[in-house]
Protein backbone atom coordinates (compact mmCIF):
# COMPACT_ATOMS: atom_id res chain seq x y z
CA MET A 1 4.05 8.44 25.15
CA LYS A 2 1.20 6.28 23.86
CA ALA A 3 1.79 3.43 21.43
CA ILE A 4 -0.12 0.42 20.11
CA GLN A 5 1.61 -2.90 20.71
CA PHE A 6 0.90 -6.61 20.48
CA THR A 7 2.67 -9.27 22.52
CA GLU A 8 1.06 -12.27 20.81
CA TYR A 9 -0.21 -13.03 17.33
CA GLY A 10 -3.94 -13.02 16.75
CA GLY A 11 -7.00 -10.98 15.83
CA PRO A 12 -7.45 -7.22 16.24
CA GLU A 13 -8.06 -7.70 19.96
CA VAL A 14 -4.33 -8.35 20.56
CA LEU A 15 -3.60 -4.67 19.79
CA LYS A 16 -3.22 -2.86 23.12
CA THR A 17 -2.61 0.79 24.01
CA ILE A 18 0.49 1.12 26.18
CA GLU A 19 2.59 3.88 27.75
CA ILE A 20 6.32 3.85 26.98
CA ASP A 21 9.17 6.35 27.20
CA LYS A 22 9.56 8.81 24.35
CA PRO A 23 12.59 7.69 22.30
CA LYS A 24 15.78 9.78 22.15
CA PRO A 25 17.47 10.40 18.78
CA GLY A 26 21.05 9.24 18.29
CA PRO A 27 23.76 11.34 16.59
CA THR A 28 22.41 10.85 13.03
CA GLU A 29 18.74 10.47 13.98
CA VAL A 30 15.71 12.73 14.28
CA LEU A 31 12.65 12.50 16.51
CA ILE A 32 9.37 12.86 14.64
CA GLU A 33 6.23 14.02 16.38
CA ILE A 34 3.71 11.86 14.53
CA HIS A 35 0.44 13.39 13.33
CA ALA A 36 -0.85 10.81 10.85
CA ILE A 37 -0.21 7.07 10.41
CA GLY A 38 -1.03 5.04 7.33
CA VAL A 39 -2.75 1.71 8.01
CA ASN A 40 -1.89 -1.11 5.61
CA TYR A 41 -2.62 -4.79 5.13
CA ALA A 42 1.01 -5.44 6.01
CA ASP A 43 0.13 -4.31 9.54
CA THR A 44 -2.60 -6.95 9.81
CA ALA A 45 -0.23 -9.60 8.45
CA ARG A 46 2.34 -8.60 11.08
CA ARG A 47 -0.31 -8.92 13.80
CA GLU A 48 -1.31 -12.39 12.61
CA GLY A 49 2.29 -13.60 12.31
CA GLN A 50 1.78 -14.06 8.56
CA TYR A 51 4.13 -11.35 7.24
CA VAL A 52 6.72 -12.04 4.54
CA VAL A 53 9.53 -11.81 7.10
CA PRO A 54 9.29 -12.88 10.79
CA THR A 55 7.77 -10.44 13.29
CA LYS A 56 9.49 -10.53 16.67
CA LEU A 57 7.36 -9.97 19.76
CA PRO A 58 6.54 -7.61 21.36
CA PHE A 59 5.88 -5.44 18.30
CA ILE A 60 4.62 -1.93 17.57
CA PRO A 61 3.25 -1.95 14.01
CA GLY A 62 3.17 0.92 11.55
CA ALA A 63 5.52 1.65 8.67
CA GLU A 64 4.14 4.92 7.28
CA ILE A 65 4.16 8.17 9.25
CA ALA A 66 3.84 11.91 8.70
CA GLY A 67 4.70 14.58 11.23
CA VAL A 68 7.18 17.21 12.37
CA ILE A 69 10.84 16.88 13.32
CA VAL A 70 11.11 18.05 16.95
CA GLU A 71 14.62 16.89 17.89
CA ALA A 72 17.79 16.12 15.93
CA GLY A 73 21.11 14.44 16.74
CA GLU A 74 24.30 16.49 16.72
CA GLU A 75 25.47 15.04 13.38
CA VAL A 76 22.24 15.76 11.49
CA THR A 77 22.76 18.33 8.72
CA ASN A 78 20.23 17.43 6.00
CA VAL A 79 16.98 18.30 7.83
CA ASN A 80 15.99 20.94 10.38
CA ILE A 81 13.86 20.96 13.50
CA GLY A 82 10.36 22.07 12.55
CA THR A 83 10.45 20.42 9.13
CA ARG A 84 7.24 18.66 8.09
CA VAL A 85 8.04 15.18 6.74
CA VAL A 86 6.60 11.87 5.60
CA THR A 87 8.64 8.70 5.75
CA LEU A 88 8.61 4.92 5.80
CA ILE A 89 10.02 2.98 8.74
CA GLU A 90 10.36 -0.72 9.50
CA SER A 91 8.10 -0.61 12.57
CA GLY A 92 6.96 1.59 15.44
CA GLY A 93 4.61 3.89 13.56
CA TYR A 94 1.54 3.30 15.76
CA ALA A 95 2.81 5.78 18.33
CA GLU A 96 2.98 9.46 19.23
CA TYR A 97 6.69 9.73 18.37
CA ALA A 98 9.27 7.79 16.37
CA VAL A 99 13.02 7.99 15.87
CA VAL A 100 14.27 7.82 12.28
CA ASP A 101 17.73 7.96 10.74
CA SER A 102 17.85 11.40 9.12
CA ARG A 103 19.32 9.89 5.95
CA ASN A 104 16.17 7.83 5.52
CA VAL A 105 13.63 10.67 5.80
CA THR A 106 11.71 10.22 2.57
CA VAL A 107 10.07 13.55 1.66
CA MET A 108 10.06 17.03 3.18
CA LEU A 109 6.53 18.31 2.71
CA LYS A 110 5.37 21.53 1.14
CA GLU A 111 2.92 23.52 3.24
CA ASP A 112 0.00 22.88 0.88
CA ILE A 113 0.17 19.09 1.48
CA ASP A 114 -1.39 18.13 4.79
CA PHE A 115 -0.32 15.16 6.88
CA LYS A 116 -3.29 13.00 5.89
CA GLN A 117 -2.59 13.51 2.20
CA ALA A 118 1.10 12.88 2.70
CA VAL A 119 0.70 9.61 4.59
CA SER A 120 -1.78 8.33 1.99
CA LEU A 121 0.83 8.11 -0.76
CA PRO A 122 4.22 6.51 0.06
CA LEU A 123 3.65 2.84 0.81
CA GLN A 124 0.68 2.17 -1.42
CA GLY A 125 1.78 4.63 -4.09
CA LEU A 126 5.22 3.06 -4.30
CA SER A 127 3.67 -0.40 -4.38
CA ALA A 128 1.35 0.51 -7.25
CA TYR A 129 4.17 2.31 -9.09
CA HIS A 130 6.68 -0.53 -8.91
CA ILE A 131 4.17 -3.33 -9.47
CA LEU A 132 3.15 -1.63 -12.71
CA LYS A 133 6.46 -0.24 -13.91
CA THR A 134 9.37 -2.13 -12.33
CA MET A 135 7.86 -5.61 -12.03
CA GLY A 136 5.07 -5.46 -14.62
CA CYS A 137 7.04 -3.47 -17.24
CA ILE A 138 3.79 -1.80 -18.33
CA THR A 139 3.56 -0.52 -21.92
CA ASN A 140 1.01 1.57 -23.80
CA GLU A 141 -0.23 -1.61 -25.50
CA ASP A 142 -1.19 -3.29 -22.24
CA THR A 143 -4.55 -4.11 -20.76
CA VAL A 144 -4.25 -4.07 -16.97
CA LEU A 145 -6.44 -5.85 -14.40
CA VAL A 146 -6.53 -4.21 -10.95
CA HIS A 147 -8.16 -6.20 -8.14
CA ALA A 148 -9.50 -4.42 -5.03
CA ALA A 149 -9.56 -1.26 -7.12
CA ALA A 150 -11.24 0.79 -4.38
CA GLY A 151 -8.51 0.03 -1.84
CA GLY A 152 -5.37 2.01 -1.07
CA VAL A 153 -3.12 0.38 -3.69
CA GLY A 154 -5.99 -0.17 -6.10
CA THR A 155 -7.13 3.46 -6.33
CA LEU A 156 -3.57 4.55 -7.07
CA ALA A 157 -2.88 1.65 -9.44
CA VAL A 158 -5.90 2.55 -11.60
CA GLN A 159 -4.67 6.13 -11.92
CA LEU A 160 -1.00 5.27 -12.44
CA ALA A 161 -1.81 2.65 -15.07
CA LYS A 162 -3.58 5.37 -17.05
CA LEU A 163 -0.71 7.82 -16.46
CA PHE A 164 1.74 5.18 -17.70
CA GLY A 165 -0.31 4.82 -20.89
CA ALA A 166 -2.19 1.54 -20.43
CA ARG A 167 -4.55 0.85 -23.33
CA LYS A 168 -7.32 -0.37 -21.00
CA VAL A 169 -7.74 -0.69 -17.23
CA ILE A 170 -10.15 -3.30 -15.88
CA ALA A 171 -11.04 -2.81 -12.21
CA THR A 172 -12.66 -5.28 -9.83
CA ALA A 173 -14.27 -4.62 -6.46
CA SER A 174 -16.95 -6.12 -4.23
CA THR A 175 -19.73 -3.49 -4.35
CA ASP A 176 -21.32 -1.11 -6.84
CA GLU A 177 -20.18 1.85 -4.74
CA LYS A 178 -16.56 0.71 -4.92
CA LEU A 179 -16.85 0.08 -8.66
CA ASP A 180 -18.24 3.59 -9.14
CA LEU A 181 -15.16 4.94 -7.34
CA ALA A 182 -12.83 2.97 -9.63
CA LYS A 183 -14.74 4.25 -12.66
CA SER A 184 -14.36 7.85 -11.47
CA LEU A 185 -10.58 7.34 -11.23
CA GLY A 186 -10.30 6.23 -14.86
CA ALA A 187 -11.10 2.51 -15.00
CA ASP A 188 -12.46 1.57 -18.41
CA VAL A 189 -14.29 -1.59 -17.31
CA CYS A 190 -15.58 -2.38 -13.81
CA ILE A 191 -16.46 -5.90 -12.63
CA ASN A 192 -17.79 -7.21 -9.33
CA TYR A 193 -15.48 -10.05 -8.33
CA THR A 194 -18.06 -11.50 -5.95
CA ASN A 195 -20.05 -12.58 -9.03
CA GLU A 196 -19.59 -16.22 -9.96
CA GLY A 197 -17.56 -16.46 -13.14
CA TRP A 198 -16.23 -12.89 -12.94
CA HIS A 199 -13.13 -13.96 -14.87
CA LYS A 200 -15.34 -14.67 -17.88
CA GLU A 201 -16.41 -11.01 -17.80
CA VAL A 202 -12.74 -10.02 -17.94
CA LEU A 203 -12.24 -12.21 -20.99
CA GLU A 204 -15.33 -10.74 -22.63
CA ALA A 205 -14.00 -7.23 -22.00
CA THR A 206 -10.79 -8.19 -23.84
CA GLU A 207 -12.57 -10.01 -26.69
CA GLY A 208 -11.24 -13.32 -25.38
CA ARG A 209 -7.58 -12.31 -25.46
CA GLY A 210 -7.07 -11.72 -21.73
CA VAL A 211 -5.05 -9.12 -19.84
CA ASP A 212 -1.36 -8.36 -20.18
CA LEU A 213 -0.80 -7.48 -16.53
CA ALA A 214 -2.79 -8.31 -13.38
CA LEU A 215 -2.29 -6.96 -9.86
CA GLU A 216 -3.32 -9.60 -7.31
CA MET A 217 -3.35 -9.46 -3.52
CA VAL A 218 -6.30 -11.64 -2.48
CA GLY A 219 -5.01 -15.18 -2.97
CA GLY A 220 -7.03 -18.39 -3.02
CA ASP A 221 -9.64 -18.70 -5.77
CA VAL A 222 -9.14 -15.10 -6.90
CA PHE A 223 -5.55 -15.93 -7.82
CA LYS A 224 -6.60 -19.09 -9.64
CA ASP A 225 -9.24 -17.26 -11.66
CA THR A 226 -6.82 -14.41 -12.39
CA LEU A 227 -4.55 -16.88 -14.15
CA LYS A 228 -7.49 -17.73 -16.42
CA CYS A 229 -7.64 -14.06 -17.45
CA LEU A 230 -4.06 -13.82 -18.72
CA ALA A 231 -3.18 -13.13 -22.35
CA PRO A 232 -0.17 -14.74 -24.01
CA PHE A 233 2.98 -13.28 -22.38
CA GLY A 234 0.71 -12.01 -19.57
CA LYS A 235 2.02 -11.38 -16.07
CA VAL A 236 0.43 -11.62 -12.62
CA VAL A 237 2.20 -9.63 -9.90
CA ILE A 238 1.45 -10.93 -6.38
CA TYR A 239 1.72 -8.38 -3.57
CA GLY A 240 -0.33 -9.90 -0.77
CA VAL A 241 -2.67 -12.65 0.41
CA ALA A 242 -5.50 -10.66 2.00
CA SER A 243 -7.82 -13.67 2.16
CA GLY A 244 -5.27 -15.60 4.18
CA GLU A 245 -5.65 -18.46 1.71
CA GLN A 246 -2.52 -19.44 -0.18
CA ALA A 247 -3.16 -20.60 -3.72
CA VAL A 248 -1.64 -23.71 -5.25
CA MET A 249 -0.61 -23.71 -8.90
CA HIS A 250 1.28 -25.90 -11.35
CA PRO A 251 4.14 -23.83 -12.77
CA SER A 252 4.16 -25.84 -16.00
CA SER A 253 0.67 -24.46 -16.74
CA LEU A 254 2.34 -21.13 -17.55
CA MET A 255 4.43 -22.57 -20.35
CA ALA A 256 1.87 -22.83 -23.13
CA LYS A 257 1.30 -19.07 -23.32
CA ASN A 258 4.66 -17.81 -21.96
CA GLN A 259 2.98 -16.39 -18.87
CA SER A 260 4.59 -15.27 -15.62
CA VAL A 261 3.78 -15.03 -11.91
CA ILE A 262 5.94 -12.44 -10.15
CA GLY A 263 6.28 -11.64 -6.45
CA PHE A 264 6.55 -8.08 -5.15
CA PHE A 265 7.81 -6.90 -1.73
CA LEU A 266 8.37 -3.15 -1.31
CA PRO A 267 11.29 -3.35 1.18
CA GLN A 268 13.41 -4.86 -1.60
CA ILE A 269 12.77 -1.73 -3.68
CA MET A 270 13.67 0.45 -0.70
CA ARG A 271 17.08 -1.22 -0.55
CA LYS A 272 17.76 0.16 -4.06
CA ARG A 273 18.00 3.72 -2.77
CA GLU A 274 18.37 5.54 -6.09
CA LEU A 275 15.37 3.74 -7.59
CA PHE A 276 13.35 4.25 -4.41
CA MET A 277 14.03 7.98 -4.07
CA ARG A 278 13.48 8.66 -7.77
CA SER A 279 10.10 6.97 -7.71
CA ILE A 280 8.86 8.63 -4.49
CA ARG A 281 9.79 12.04 -5.87
CA GLU A 282 7.97 11.22 -9.10
CA LEU A 283 4.86 10.25 -7.14
CA PHE A 284 4.82 13.46 -5.10
CA GLY A 285 5.40 15.35 -8.35
CA TYR A 286 2.22 13.79 -9.76
CA LEU A 287 0.39 14.81 -6.59
CA GLU A 288 1.62 18.41 -6.74
CA GLU A 289 0.67 18.63 -10.43
CA GLY A 290 -2.84 17.40 -9.70
CA LYS A 291 -2.37 14.19 -11.69
CA LEU A 292 -3.09 11.90 -8.73
CA GLN A 293 -6.22 11.92 -6.61
CA LEU A 294 -5.76 10.55 -3.10
CA ILE A 295 -8.77 8.68 -1.76
CA ILE A 296 -8.80 9.01 2.01
CA GLY A 297 -11.40 6.70 3.46
CA GLU A 298 -11.76 7.14 7.20
CA THR A 299 -9.63 8.69 9.93
CA TYR A 300 -9.59 7.25 13.46
CA PRO A 301 -7.77 8.10 16.70
CA LEU A 302 -4.61 6.11 17.38
CA GLU A 303 -6.36 4.30 20.24
CA GLU A 304 -8.87 2.76 17.80
CA ALA A 305 -6.26 0.77 15.87
CA ALA A 306 -7.97 -2.54 16.69
CA LYS A 307 -11.28 -1.28 15.30
CA VAL A 308 -9.53 -0.15 12.12
CA HIS A 309 -7.93 -3.56 11.59
CA GLU A 310 -11.30 -5.24 12.03
CA LEU A 311 -12.98 -2.92 9.51
CA MET A 312 -10.21 -3.39 6.95
CA GLN A 313 -10.26 -7.16 7.14
CA SER A 314 -14.04 -7.29 6.86
CA ARG A 315 -13.84 -5.34 3.56
CA LYS A 316 -15.79 -2.43 5.04
CA THR A 317 -13.36 0.29 3.98
CA SER A 318 -12.40 2.13 0.80
CA GLY A 319 -9.36 4.21 0.05
CA LYS A 320 -6.64 4.97 2.57
CA ILE A 321 -7.37 4.42 6.26
CA ILE A 322 -5.49 6.70 8.64
CA LEU A 323 -4.80 6.79 12.36
CA GLU A 324 -4.51 10.31 13.73
CA VAL A 325 -2.54 11.48 16.76
CA ASN A 326 -3.79 14.42 18.79
CA HIS A 327 -0.92 16.29 20.47
CA ALA A 328 -3.12 19.01 21.99
């Protein structure tokens, strides 16, 4: 089968198409024929050797897959061959097939949800959900600041913040087109963060008070300026460093206004199985009820993974970017 692998850390060019044996499921495992793969910034961090946990080489990236179960181990009783599924895995998703423990299959899909829709929701939907609710403890009195609001997490965070009752959602993005998208999803105020002094616009939009909760994944100066936007008791939840630039802060600067900086890493949520499964079912419930709009940006063949990474990191994409596998 085909897979995308890297044997050294580096730029998109280290991603290579290889041929490897199709994996065989063990007694409690299933083999998934992959049709759609979600591409995430975590994949680029893995490739660069900058992920939260070490990435051992060689490595096949990809944590989010949707497809069909085509083989099952003799002890599998909870899912059937032919079932359409979407699931999260630790690695190996950039491939034509993947083996997954049947107990960890996330959602069995209804026929009216296609693979592209399905793979657009789990990782980024769960991230937005738990950043807002579990880590940010959002309330209906809160003003929420969502950076990169036209991206995969951002588009879902804007919608979920409104579903969770936020008083006001302030969205930032780098172009007018992306800001228009955020506005269409429910953002109350839209600000271009490439403008010098954008944080002053955030303060103006809150009448000088600041925001109660900020979602931040850029790092560097964006993080520093986000701190300037916080209200008393405000929280910044960090879920990435897309710029590659780590920010430096003085923790004591948070004391005067009882502010907080909180880290978020989805695999820790996944280890709390009851919380994880409850939230993923809630997200797919919102999708089935028409309460969530999935923004699918572009779809590319599996073999173009390197091109996709380059486009993502140059900020030339919006919404969810998907790799597609053709089994014809």
